Structures are given as C-alpha cells and as structure tokens.
C-alpha cells in the first residue's frame, strides 16, 4: 500500500470537508424550495364555526352553513325535513325547487345568486351588514313586528327590505331611525305599536333583510289594500303582492 504523507492527508481531508459542505448546502436549498403537498380535500366542504368564505355549498357538504340553508328553505316552504346540517338528497331537492321558483339556474348548488335569493351570506363569519349597529337591527325588527306580524315570513323580510331601500334612496332619510320616524311614514309609529317588543321571527327577518335579501326587488312602498285610506298610495306602481301587502315603487 502506498504511503500517504501528512501533507497529502491534510489535502484529502480538506477536499472531503468541502464536498460535505456542498452536499449539506444542497440539502438545505432543496428543503426550502420543495413544494409541500397536502392531502386533497373537498374545497367546498363547510366546517362548522369557521370564518372562511366558500364559493358554494352543495350535496355532500355539512356544517353550520348547511343548517342555515336548511332552516331558510323550511321557512320558505321548501321542506328539507330535519335541520341536521347534512346536505343530502332532501336538501338537494328543496334547493332545486327553490331555484326553479325564483327563476334561477336549477343545479342544486347554493352559489352566490341562490344564497342572495335565500337571504344568506356564504361567509361563515358574521351575518348581516357591518354598516348597521345592534340598535339598527333592533329598531328594524320592531318596525317589522309592528307592521307585519302575522304576515308570512317572506312578507316580514319584505317590510324590512322596504325600510332599507328607503335608506338607500335619495328621496328619504339616510338612516333607519330617520326612515322609521319620518312623520306619517308608518302607521305603527303613529299608533304606538312601534314600542312593542319584537319576537324572534321579526329579529331574524331584520337580519335577513340587512344581509341583502329583498323579496320586493327594490320597492320603497307597501300598503294593505283592505285598510289603506290614502288615495295617493294607490297611485304608486304595484310590483307584487306578498300576504296582505302590496309592494310598490
């Protein structure tokens, strides 16, 4: 065996150190640039109490957002049976029937347009418009309760929507309290019924209206033809009737 002197041994060790350093650097670089692959999951799945916004809710999904959809469908007369938070065949059929009744694409998927028609938000965070305070919600609920208790739920939401449509209109005050307490705007204010405590249905209707559900499609007036005494209100263009109320522009 050929003998290696001390100088040659040092050179060999130095070269090995350099090689080891290069290999270590390559390993570090690779670890930083490697794409981490996560298990593929259903991107549309709804996780209860999450604060994510989903693109759509469909058959196979589950969670609190599905429960909200089921509850709303039941309220509107499109029965899903038990509100169990599972988007199954009954919920699918109810969604399709609802979509058909509203002239929407009948695909059984609760996307942006269907959610808006239902009066819900696909965001699992807050429900309702952040521009309004708790006091606004309460006052709107009192107005709905005073003006539309006994009406079908969609009719209660419609009354709330009229108030909000007036807030948006340049022809009316730009706050809920301003619209509600505008002189002679609402009979319930004049006769004191506005002071009644709103029930749960009125509170939910107020939140649904604030969340964007407008069954009236922009109407700013409503009246009960059986009790209306103003000849002026009859001059307005009636767009639809919900329960005992006619809604007009």
Protein backbone atom coordinates (compact mmCIF):
# COMPACT_ATOMS: atom_id res chain seq x y z
CA UNK A 1 0.00 0.00 0.00
CA UNK A 2 1.28 3.41 -0.96
CA UNK A 3 2.10 5.56 1.99
CA UNK A 4 0.37 8.97 2.29
CA UNK A 5 2.42 11.66 3.90
CA UNK A 6 0.98 14.16 6.31
CA UNK A 7 0.61 16.94 3.72
CA UNK A 8 -1.35 14.70 1.36
CA UNK A 9 -3.63 13.54 4.20
CA UNK A 10 -4.44 17.14 5.11
CA UNK A 11 -5.30 17.90 1.46
CA UNK A 12 -7.62 14.88 1.27
CA UNK A 13 -9.41 15.88 4.48
CA UNK A 14 -9.82 19.45 3.25
CA UNK A 15 -11.35 18.23 0.00
CA UNK A 16 -13.76 15.98 1.90
CA UNK A 17 -14.80 18.89 4.11
CA UNK A 18 -15.57 20.98 1.02
CA UNK A 19 -17.57 18.12 -0.53
CA UNK A 20 -19.56 17.59 2.68
CA UNK A 21 -20.29 21.32 2.89
CA UNK A 22 -21.55 21.34 -0.70
CA UNK A 23 -23.82 18.35 -0.06
CA UNK A 24 -25.23 19.95 3.11
CA UNK A 25 -25.92 23.21 1.28
CA UNK A 26 -27.74 21.34 -1.49
CA UNK A 27 -29.90 19.58 1.09
CA UNK A 28 -30.82 22.88 2.78
CA UNK A 29 -31.69 24.53 -0.56
CA UNK A 30 -33.83 21.57 -1.58
CA UNK A 31 -35.74 21.69 1.70
CA UNK A 32 -36.52 25.36 1.20
CA UNK A 33 -37.73 25.06 -2.37
CA UNK A 34 -39.61 21.78 -2.24
CA UNK A 35 -43.37 22.18 -2.66
CA UNK A 36 -45.26 20.71 0.24
CA UNK A 37 -48.15 18.59 -0.97
CA UNK A 38 -51.12 18.38 1.34
CA UNK A 39 -53.89 15.80 1.13
CA UNK A 40 -56.59 16.90 -1.34
CA UNK A 41 -59.90 17.65 0.31
CA UNK A 42 -63.25 18.90 -0.90
CA UNK A 43 -62.62 22.65 -1.16
CA UNK A 44 -66.33 23.32 -0.82
CA UNK A 45 -66.74 21.50 2.49
CA UNK A 46 -68.23 23.64 5.20
CA UNK A 47 -66.57 23.43 8.60
CA UNK A 48 -68.78 24.46 11.49
CA UNK A 49 -67.87 27.78 13.10
CA UNK A 50 -65.17 28.56 10.53
CA UNK A 51 -64.70 32.10 9.26
CA UNK A 52 -63.86 31.20 5.68
CA UNK A 53 -65.94 32.30 2.73
CA UNK A 54 -66.89 29.43 0.45
CA UNK A 55 -67.66 29.61 -3.24
CA UNK A 56 -70.71 27.37 -2.99
CA UNK A 57 -72.49 24.81 -0.85
CA UNK A 58 -73.57 21.55 -2.47
CA UNK A 59 -74.61 17.95 -1.87
CA UNK A 60 -72.15 16.17 0.39
CA UNK A 61 -71.26 19.27 2.42
CA UNK A 62 -72.10 19.57 6.09
CA UNK A 63 -71.91 22.02 8.96
CA UNK A 64 -73.48 25.19 10.32
CA UNK A 65 -73.86 26.86 6.91
CA UNK A 66 -75.86 23.88 5.64
CA UNK A 67 -78.09 24.18 8.72
CA UNK A 68 -78.69 27.84 7.92
CA UNK A 69 -79.68 26.94 4.36
CA UNK A 70 -81.98 24.16 5.56
CA UNK A 71 -83.66 26.42 8.11
CA UNK A 72 -84.29 29.11 5.50
CA UNK A 73 -85.68 26.61 2.99
CA UNK A 74 -88.07 25.23 5.61
CA UNK A 75 -89.22 28.75 6.50
CA UNK A 76 -89.95 29.48 2.84
CA UNK A 77 -91.99 26.31 2.42
CA UNK A 78 -89.37 24.18 0.66
CA UNK A 79 -89.17 21.35 3.17
CA UNK A 80 -85.87 19.63 3.84
CA UNK A 81 -87.18 17.70 6.82
CA UNK A 82 -84.91 17.78 9.86
CA UNK A 83 -82.34 20.57 10.04
CA UNK A 84 -79.34 18.29 10.58
CA UNK A 85 -76.58 20.18 8.80
CA UNK A 86 -76.08 17.46 6.19
CA UNK A 87 -76.63 18.39 2.53
CA UNK A 88 -78.35 15.23 1.37
CA UNK A 89 -80.96 14.28 -1.22
CA UNK A 90 -83.88 16.07 0.50
CA UNK A 91 -81.91 19.30 0.79
CA UNK A 92 -80.80 18.98 -2.83
CA UNK A 93 -84.41 18.58 -3.98
CA UNK A 94 -85.52 21.55 -1.87
CA UNK A 95 -82.74 23.76 -3.28
CA UNK A 96 -83.72 22.83 -6.84
CA UNK A 97 -87.40 23.56 -6.18
CA UNK A 98 -86.46 26.90 -4.65
CA UNK A 99 -84.21 27.78 -7.61
CA UNK A 100 -86.97 26.88 -10.05
CA UNK A 101 -89.49 29.07 -8.18
CA UNK A 102 -87.11 32.05 -8.31
CA UNK A 103 -86.09 31.67 -11.95
CA UNK A 104 -82.52 30.71 -11.03
CA UNK A 105 -80.30 28.09 -12.65
CA UNK A 106 -81.61 24.77 -11.33
CA UNK A 107 -78.38 22.99 -10.40
CA UNK A 108 -78.98 22.24 -6.72
CA UNK A 109 -75.90 24.26 -5.75
CA UNK A 110 -76.17 27.19 -3.35
CA UNK A 111 -73.85 29.66 -5.00
CA UNK A 112 -73.83 33.46 -4.86
CA UNK A 113 -77.16 34.03 -6.63
CA UNK A 114 -79.07 31.32 -4.79
CA UNK A 115 -77.62 32.43 -1.44
CA UNK A 116 -78.70 36.01 -2.15
CA UNK A 117 -82.20 34.86 -3.07
CA UNK A 118 -82.34 32.90 0.19
CA UNK A 119 -81.14 35.96 2.08
CA UNK A 120 -77.99 34.40 3.48
CA UNK A 121 -74.28 35.04 3.17
CA UNK A 122 -71.82 32.36 2.13
CA UNK A 123 -69.39 33.83 4.64
CA UNK A 124 -69.41 31.78 7.83
CA UNK A 125 -68.25 34.75 9.85
CA UNK A 126 -70.75 37.44 10.62
CA UNK A 127 -74.18 37.58 9.14
CA UNK A 128 -75.52 41.00 8.50
CA UNK A 129 -74.32 44.31 7.23
CA UNK A 130 -71.47 45.80 9.25
CA UNK A 131 -72.76 49.29 8.38
CA UNK A 132 -75.64 48.77 10.79
CA UNK A 133 -75.46 48.66 14.56
CA UNK A 134 -77.25 46.41 17.01
CA UNK A 135 -79.63 49.30 17.66
CA UNK A 136 -80.44 49.48 13.96
CA UNK A 137 -81.25 45.78 13.84
CA UNK A 138 -83.47 46.11 16.90
CA UNK A 139 -85.36 49.12 15.51
CA UNK A 140 -85.86 47.41 12.17
CA UNK A 141 -87.14 44.31 13.98
CA UNK A 142 -89.56 46.47 15.99
CA UNK A 143 -90.83 48.02 12.77
CA UNK A 144 -91.29 44.62 11.14
CA UNK A 145 -93.07 43.26 14.20
CA UNK A 146 -95.36 46.29 14.43
CA UNK A 147 -96.15 46.46 10.73
CA UNK A 148 -96.10 42.83 9.61
CA UNK A 149 -96.61 40.41 12.48
CA UNK A 150 -98.99 37.73 11.28
CA UNK A 151 -97.65 38.03 7.73
CA UNK A 152 -95.72 35.13 6.15
CA UNK A 153 -92.02 35.22 6.95
CA UNK A 154 -91.08 36.40 3.46
CA UNK A 155 -93.57 39.25 3.92
CA UNK A 156 -91.84 40.28 7.14
CA UNK A 157 -88.48 40.35 5.38
CA UNK A 158 -90.09 42.36 2.57
CA UNK A 159 -91.20 45.08 5.00
CA UNK A 160 -87.68 45.26 6.38
CA UNK A 161 -86.33 45.49 2.85
CA UNK A 162 -88.61 48.44 2.08
CA UNK A 163 -87.17 50.32 5.06
CA UNK A 164 -83.62 49.61 3.87
CA UNK A 165 -84.50 50.56 0.30
CA UNK A 166 -85.68 53.91 1.59
CA UNK A 167 -82.39 54.39 3.45
CA UNK A 168 -80.59 53.90 0.13
CA UNK A 169 -82.92 56.24 -1.76
CA UNK A 170 -82.13 59.95 -2.02
CA UNK A 171 -85.84 60.67 -1.52
CA UNK A 172 -85.76 59.51 2.11
CA UNK A 173 -83.61 59.97 5.22
CA UNK A 174 -80.32 58.02 5.07
CA UNK A 175 -80.65 56.22 8.40
CA UNK A 176 -83.02 53.54 9.64
CA UNK A 177 -84.24 55.68 12.52
CA UNK A 178 -84.74 58.61 10.14
CA UNK A 179 -86.84 56.49 7.80
CA UNK A 180 -88.88 54.81 10.54
CA UNK A 181 -89.66 58.02 12.42
CA UNK A 182 -90.26 60.18 9.36
CA UNK A 183 -93.63 61.85 10.06
CA UNK A 184 -96.61 59.72 8.96
CA UNK A 185 -94.36 57.24 7.18
CA UNK A 186 -95.54 54.21 9.19
CA UNK A 187 -98.87 53.66 10.89
CA UNK A 188 -97.21 51.66 13.65
CA UNK A 189 -95.23 54.73 14.76
CA UNK A 190 -98.35 56.89 14.80
CA UNK A 191 -100.44 54.45 16.85
CA UNK A 192 -97.62 53.36 19.18
CA UNK A 193 -97.25 49.76 18.07
CA UNK A 194 -93.60 50.51 17.27
CA UNK A 195 -92.99 50.21 21.02
CA UNK A 196 -93.96 46.53 21.11
CA UNK A 197 -91.17 44.07 21.80
CA UNK A 198 -90.17 42.28 18.56
CA UNK A 199 -90.43 38.50 18.52
CA UNK A 200 -87.80 36.07 17.26
CA UNK A 201 -89.30 35.97 13.77
CA UNK A 202 -89.05 39.76 13.43
CA UNK A 203 -85.44 39.74 14.65
CA UNK A 204 -84.48 37.08 12.10
CA UNK A 205 -86.35 38.91 9.35
CA UNK A 206 -84.48 42.12 10.18
CA UNK A 207 -81.13 40.33 9.95
CA UNK A 208 -82.11 38.65 6.69
CA UNK A 209 -83.11 41.99 5.17
CA UNK A 210 -79.84 43.55 6.31
CA UNK A 211 -77.98 40.62 4.85
CA UNK A 212 -79.28 41.55 1.41
CA UNK A 213 -82.50 39.58 0.97
CA UNK A 214 -85.01 41.80 -0.79
CA UNK A 215 -88.14 39.90 -1.85
CA UNK A 216 -89.56 43.17 -3.26
CA UNK A 217 -86.74 43.78 -5.75
CA UNK A 218 -86.29 47.41 -4.77
CA UNK A 219 -89.76 48.55 -3.72
CA UNK A 220 -89.99 51.59 -1.44
CA UNK A 221 -93.69 51.46 -0.57
CA UNK A 222 -96.15 48.88 0.71
CA UNK A 223 -99.75 49.03 1.83
CA UNK A 224 -102.66 46.85 2.81
CA UNK A 225 -105.43 47.47 0.24
CA UNK A 226 -108.06 46.45 2.78
CA UNK A 227 -107.13 49.24 5.18
CA UNK A 228 -105.31 51.88 3.10
CA UNK A 229 -107.10 55.23 3.25
CA UNK A 230 -104.64 57.36 1.28
CA UNK A 231 -105.64 57.87 -2.34
CA UNK A 232 -102.03 58.79 -3.12
CA UNK A 233 -100.66 55.35 -2.25
CA UNK A 234 -102.98 53.80 -4.83
CA UNK A 235 -101.25 55.86 -7.50
CA UNK A 236 -97.97 54.02 -6.99
CA UNK A 237 -96.95 51.24 -9.39
CA UNK A 238 -97.55 47.92 -7.65
CA UNK A 239 -94.89 45.32 -8.40
CA UNK A 240 -96.03 42.35 -6.33
CA UNK A 241 -98.25 41.17 -3.51
CA UNK A 242 -96.97 39.22 -0.51
CA UNK A 243 -99.54 38.18 2.07
CA UNK A 244 -101.88 41.10 2.68
CA UNK A 245 -99.43 43.74 1.49
CA UNK A 246 -98.92 45.20 -1.97
CA UNK A 247 -95.39 46.44 -2.68
CA UNK A 248 -94.83 49.37 -4.99
CA UNK A 249 -92.29 51.85 -6.35
